[in-house]
Amino acid sequence: MADVLRRHNVTVSGCGKKLLVLGHGFGTDQRVWRRIRPWTDRHFRTVSFDAAGCGADGSGYDGFRHGTLAGFAEDLLAILDALGAERCVYVGHEAGAMAGVLAGTLAPGRFERMVLLAPTVCGVDREHYRSGIDAVTMRRMIGCMTINYAAWVREFAALVVDAPPASAEAGEVASCLAALRPDIAFRLAAVAFQSDLRGWVDDFEVPAVLVHAEDDPLIPAAAVRHIQELWPFTGQEVLPVSGHLPHLTAPGLVVGVLARHLTDVARA
């Protein structure tokens, strides 16, 4: 069990009675939560971790097991087991959000509520599904990683925070991406943006709220509408900002969402 916690660099803080777990998405690590963590620490015992592959040594990454989001869902459940946590609240972003959904589909009793930032069941437009990015654009974006990774890091970081490459926010994302082994980053990007979970998560039943930036360059609003049609019990919050990482660029708005949807859970 200690190996699981060490492999994922699990960090625990906060003074609440209930457990809240933070799961980051592609291109970042657990540092991305630092702007909202003061709020979660006041209300929960907060857990964050680095997903498999984060860091220059690719710690914990298994090319076969992590070839789909299912491997990351298994990691999340293993972390809960290692912590002795029977139940938690989960806040996840992008691929981390969907890994949480898969975990919640496998073991719904482990999760009391979820907040899902920039979720999508399918990142690319496919036949009978037009709620993603077109396949050519997606292949070009991922393919550029293999040509000049350093240049791609600067461009991608600026894109997802909707700010100049020299901005502090873009610098934070670039720092996380630069710490990844380029070959692993390529594979993680493919999993994050080319996964197709349609049919796999239809039976998801954990109470959840979907959070989406008004102008997200990677996850169109139609993707979130598709999820809400799939899970009509979910709530939705549209943030009046641009960018793909509102917890980094607009933390006050994200904290507001957490306060509206999780304060009652913390007090229960």
Protein backbone atom coordinates (compact mmCIF):
# COMPACT_ATOMS: atom_id res chain seq x y z
CA MET A 1 0.00 0.00 0.00
CA ALA A 2 2.86 2.37 0.82
CA ASP A 3 4.25 1.72 -2.66
CA VAL A 4 1.02 3.01 -4.23
CA LEU A 5 1.15 6.24 -2.24
CA ARG A 6 4.84 6.75 -2.98
CA ARG A 7 4.47 5.95 -6.70
CA HIS A 8 1.78 8.60 -7.10
CA ASN A 9 3.41 11.12 -4.75
CA VAL A 10 0.17 11.27 -2.75
CA THR A 11 -0.23 14.39 -0.60
CA VAL A 12 -2.77 14.73 2.22
CA SER A 13 -3.70 17.99 3.94
CA GLY A 14 -6.67 19.77 5.44
CA CYS A 15 -8.75 19.49 8.56
CA GLY A 16 -12.17 18.33 7.42
CA LYS A 17 -13.83 15.08 8.45
CA LYS A 18 -14.56 13.93 4.92
CA LEU A 19 -12.10 13.07 2.17
CA LEU A 20 -11.88 15.06 -1.08
CA VAL A 21 -9.63 13.74 -3.85
CA LEU A 22 -8.22 15.94 -6.64
CA GLY A 23 -7.40 14.30 -9.99
CA HIS A 24 -5.54 16.42 -12.56
CA GLY A 25 -5.75 16.15 -16.35
CA PHE A 26 -3.24 15.90 -19.17
CA GLY A 27 -0.26 18.24 -19.18
CA THR A 28 -0.37 19.09 -15.48
CA ASP A 29 0.34 17.45 -12.15
CA GLN A 30 -1.08 17.91 -8.68
CA ARG A 31 0.52 21.36 -8.37
CA VAL A 32 -2.23 22.71 -10.61
CA TRP A 33 -4.67 22.56 -7.67
CA ARG A 34 -2.73 24.91 -5.41
CA ARG A 35 -5.04 27.89 -6.01
CA ILE A 36 -8.18 26.06 -4.88
CA ARG A 37 -6.58 23.90 -2.21
CA PRO A 38 -6.91 26.49 0.58
CA TRP A 39 -10.70 26.19 0.26
CA THR A 40 -10.73 22.39 0.09
CA ASP A 41 -8.36 22.18 3.08
CA ARG A 42 -10.71 24.28 5.20
CA HIS A 43 -13.66 21.99 4.50
CA PHE A 44 -12.18 18.55 3.77
CA ARG A 45 -9.21 16.31 4.24
CA THR A 46 -7.70 16.89 0.80
CA VAL A 47 -5.82 14.29 -1.22
CA SER A 48 -3.92 15.02 -4.42
CA PHE A 49 -1.65 12.80 -6.48
CA ASP A 50 0.38 12.65 -9.67
CA ALA A 51 -1.08 10.43 -12.36
CA ALA A 52 1.09 7.67 -13.81
CA GLY A 53 3.75 9.04 -16.17
CA CYS A 54 4.24 12.38 -14.45
CA GLY A 55 7.85 13.34 -13.95
CA ALA A 56 11.01 12.81 -15.96
CA ASP A 57 11.31 9.15 -14.90
CA GLY A 58 7.78 8.27 -16.00
CA SER A 59 7.04 6.97 -12.51
CA GLY A 60 4.40 4.25 -12.38
CA TYR A 61 3.64 4.36 -16.09
CA ASP A 62 2.85 1.07 -17.82
CA GLY A 63 2.43 1.48 -21.56
CA PHE A 64 -0.07 -1.37 -21.77
CA ARG A 65 -2.15 -0.74 -18.64
CA HIS A 66 -2.22 3.01 -19.15
CA GLY A 67 -3.05 2.73 -22.83
CA THR A 68 -6.65 3.53 -21.87
CA LEU A 69 -8.28 5.58 -19.12
CA ALA A 70 -9.26 2.34 -17.39
CA GLY A 71 -5.70 2.02 -16.07
CA PHE A 72 -5.93 5.47 -14.50
CA ALA A 73 -9.31 4.59 -12.97
CA GLU A 74 -7.71 1.50 -11.41
CA ASP A 75 -4.92 3.70 -10.03
CA LEU A 76 -7.49 5.98 -8.39
CA LEU A 77 -9.24 3.07 -6.70
CA ALA A 78 -5.85 1.70 -5.59
CA ILE A 79 -5.01 5.06 -3.99
CA LEU A 80 -8.31 5.02 -2.09
CA ASP A 81 -7.57 1.48 -0.94
CA ALA A 82 -4.07 2.48 0.19
CA LEU A 83 -5.53 5.37 2.20
CA GLY A 84 -8.15 3.11 3.75
CA ALA A 85 -10.85 5.40 2.33
CA GLU A 86 -14.21 3.75 1.89
CA ARG A 87 -15.87 6.85 0.41
CA CYS A 88 -14.82 10.26 -0.89
CA VAL A 89 -15.75 13.35 -2.85
CA TYR A 90 -13.89 13.58 -6.16
CA VAL A 91 -12.90 16.66 -8.17
CA GLY A 92 -11.33 15.82 -11.52
CA HIS A 93 -10.20 17.68 -14.60
CA GLU A 94 -10.44 16.43 -18.20
CA ALA A 95 -8.80 12.98 -18.41
CA GLY A 96 -8.72 12.96 -14.62
CA ALA A 97 -12.44 13.69 -14.59
CA MET A 98 -13.20 10.80 -16.92
CA ALA A 99 -10.90 8.41 -15.05
CA GLY A 100 -12.99 9.32 -12.01
CA VAL A 101 -16.18 8.59 -13.94
CA LEU A 102 -14.84 5.18 -14.93
CA ALA A 103 -13.89 4.51 -11.31
CA GLY A 104 -17.37 5.63 -10.26
CA THR A 105 -18.93 3.29 -12.79
CA LEU A 106 -16.88 0.38 -11.45
CA ALA A 107 -17.37 1.24 -7.77
CA PRO A 108 -20.16 3.83 -7.34
CA GLY A 109 -20.30 3.31 -3.58
CA ARG A 110 -16.79 4.76 -3.21
CA PHE A 111 -17.87 8.23 -4.34
CA GLU A 112 -20.34 10.51 -2.59
CA ARG A 113 -20.26 13.31 -5.17
CA MET A 114 -18.12 14.45 -8.11
CA VAL A 115 -17.23 17.79 -9.64
CA LEU A 116 -16.05 17.23 -13.23
CA LEU A 117 -14.10 20.03 -14.92
CA ALA A 118 -13.97 19.96 -18.74
CA PRO A 119 -15.33 16.42 -19.05
CA THR A 120 -15.95 14.66 -22.36
CA VAL A 121 -16.92 11.10 -23.22
CA CYS A 122 -15.23 11.38 -26.62
CA GLY A 123 -12.68 14.02 -27.54
CA VAL A 124 -12.80 13.66 -31.32
CA ASP A 125 -15.67 13.90 -33.79
CA ARG A 126 -16.73 10.46 -34.94
CA GLU A 127 -19.55 8.96 -36.94
CA HIS A 128 -22.87 9.92 -35.30
CA TYR A 129 -20.97 12.04 -32.74
CA ARG A 130 -20.20 15.68 -33.44
CA SER A 131 -19.30 16.97 -30.00
CA GLY A 132 -15.53 16.83 -30.18
CA ILE A 133 -12.67 18.36 -32.17
CA ASP A 134 -12.36 17.25 -35.77
CA ALA A 135 -9.99 14.33 -36.23
CA VAL A 136 -7.58 16.15 -38.55
CA THR A 137 -7.04 18.98 -36.05
CA MET A 138 -6.53 16.48 -33.24
CA ARG A 139 -3.99 14.42 -35.21
CA ARG A 140 -2.12 17.60 -36.18
CA MET A 141 -2.02 18.80 -32.57
CA ILE A 142 -0.66 15.50 -31.24
CA GLY A 143 1.63 14.97 -34.23
CA CYS A 144 3.37 18.29 -33.61
CA MET A 145 4.62 16.88 -30.32
CA THR A 146 6.93 14.50 -32.18
CA ILE A 147 8.45 17.20 -34.39
CA ASN A 148 9.60 19.75 -31.83
CA TYR A 149 8.44 18.93 -28.32
CA ALA A 150 9.87 22.05 -26.68
CA ALA A 151 8.13 24.35 -29.16
CA TRP A 152 4.90 22.39 -28.82
CA VAL A 153 5.03 22.73 -25.04
CA ARG A 154 5.18 26.53 -25.28
CA GLU A 155 2.32 26.71 -27.79
CA PHE A 156 0.10 24.20 -26.02
CA ALA A 157 0.61 25.82 -22.62
CA ALA A 158 -0.39 29.21 -24.00
CA LEU A 159 -3.42 27.68 -25.74
CA VAL A 160 -4.90 25.96 -22.71
CA VAL A 161 -4.63 29.00 -20.44
CA ASP A 162 -5.53 31.49 -23.21
CA ALA A 163 -2.59 33.70 -22.31
CA PRO A 164 0.81 34.64 -23.78
CA PRO A 165 3.59 32.05 -23.44
CA ALA A 166 5.40 34.40 -21.05
CA SER A 167 2.46 34.53 -18.62
CA ALA A 168 2.77 32.92 -15.20
CA GLU A 169 -0.11 30.51 -15.91
CA ALA A 170 1.38 29.34 -19.20
CA GLY A 171 4.71 28.96 -17.45
CA GLU A 172 3.18 26.65 -14.85
CA VAL A 173 1.68 24.37 -17.48
CA ALA A 174 4.88 24.44 -19.56
CA SER A 175 6.87 23.45 -16.48
CA CYS A 176 4.66 20.39 -15.94
CA LEU A 177 4.85 19.40 -19.61
CA ALA A 178 8.61 19.89 -19.75
CA ALA A 179 8.95 17.47 -16.84
CA LEU A 180 7.30 14.69 -18.85
CA ARG A 181 9.27 12.29 -21.00
CA PRO A 182 8.24 13.31 -24.55
CA ASP A 183 7.40 9.73 -25.56
CA ILE A 184 5.13 9.31 -22.56
CA ALA A 185 3.59 12.75 -23.11
CA PHE A 186 2.66 11.68 -26.64
CA ARG A 187 0.92 8.55 -25.37
CA LEU A 188 -0.83 10.39 -22.55
CA ALA A 189 -2.13 13.00 -24.99
CA ALA A 190 -3.56 10.27 -27.21
CA VAL A 191 -5.34 8.71 -24.24
CA ALA A 192 -6.63 12.05 -22.97
CA PHE A 193 -7.95 13.40 -26.25
CA GLN A 194 -8.72 10.33 -28.37
CA SER A 195 -10.49 8.13 -25.83
CA ASP A 196 -14.04 7.10 -26.68
CA LEU A 197 -16.03 6.17 -23.58
CA ARG A 198 -19.44 6.12 -25.22
CA GLY A 199 -21.23 3.04 -24.02
CA TRP A 200 -18.72 2.47 -21.23
CA VAL A 201 -20.00 5.12 -18.83
CA ASP A 202 -23.70 5.18 -19.69
CA ASP A 203 -24.55 3.60 -16.31
CA PHE A 204 -22.69 6.21 -14.26
CA GLU A 205 -24.91 7.19 -11.33
CA VAL A 206 -22.78 9.19 -8.89
CA PRO A 207 -24.27 12.66 -8.15
CA ALA A 208 -22.15 15.09 -10.14
CA VAL A 209 -21.84 18.60 -11.49
CA LEU A 210 -20.30 19.34 -14.88
CA VAL A 211 -18.13 22.47 -15.04
CA HIS A 212 -17.15 24.01 -18.35
CA ALA A 213 -15.43 27.22 -19.39
CA GLU A 214 -17.53 29.24 -21.81
CA ASP A 215 -14.73 29.17 -24.40
CA ASP A 216 -12.66 26.02 -23.98
CA PRO A 217 -10.28 25.47 -26.93
CA LEU A 218 -10.18 21.69 -26.45
CA ILE A 219 -13.59 20.64 -25.12
CA PRO A 220 -16.54 22.21 -26.96
CA ALA A 221 -19.71 23.07 -25.05
CA ALA A 222 -21.54 20.46 -27.12
CA ALA A 223 -19.48 17.75 -25.40
CA VAL A 224 -20.85 18.78 -22.01
CA ARG A 225 -24.40 19.01 -23.38
CA HIS A 226 -23.99 15.46 -24.68
CA ILE A 227 -22.99 14.28 -21.20
CA GLN A 228 -25.94 15.99 -19.58
CA GLU A 229 -28.28 14.27 -22.03
CA LEU A 230 -26.58 10.99 -21.11
CA TRP A 231 -26.79 11.69 -17.35
CA PRO A 232 -29.82 13.98 -16.88
CA PHE A 233 -29.36 13.92 -13.09
CA THR A 234 -26.13 15.96 -13.32
CA GLY A 235 -25.90 19.68 -12.67
CA GLN A 236 -24.03 22.07 -14.93
CA GLU A 237 -22.01 25.22 -14.34
CA VAL A 238 -20.75 27.31 -17.27
CA LEU A 239 -17.95 29.66 -16.26
CA PRO A 240 -17.75 33.01 -18.11
CA VAL A 241 -14.07 32.57 -18.98
CA SER A 242 -11.89 31.17 -21.74
CA GLY A 243 -9.26 28.47 -21.50
CA HIS A 244 -9.09 24.81 -20.60
CA LEU A 245 -7.86 25.08 -16.98
CA PRO A 246 -10.24 27.31 -15.01
CA HIS A 247 -8.94 25.96 -11.69
CA LEU A 248 -5.60 27.54 -12.66
CA THR A 249 -6.76 30.70 -14.45
CA ALA A 250 -10.04 31.46 -12.66
CA PRO A 251 -9.73 29.74 -9.26
CA GLY A 252 -12.20 32.06 -7.59
CA LEU A 253 -14.96 30.92 -9.93
CA VAL A 254 -14.10 27.26 -9.38
CA VAL A 255 -14.07 27.76 -5.61
CA GLY A 256 -17.52 29.29 -5.97
CA VAL A 257 -18.72 26.14 -7.73
CA LEU A 258 -17.22 23.96 -5.01
CA ALA A 259 -18.84 26.07 -2.30
CA ARG A 260 -22.26 25.79 -3.96
CA HIS A 261 -22.11 22.06 -4.52
CA LEU A 262 -19.90 20.62 -1.79
CA THR A 263 -20.40 22.68 1.37
CA ASP A 264 -23.43 20.61 2.36
CA VAL A 265 -21.42 17.41 1.85
CA ALA A 266 -18.60 18.67 4.07
CA ARG A 267 -21.05 19.52 6.85
CA ALA A 268 -23.06 16.29 6.68
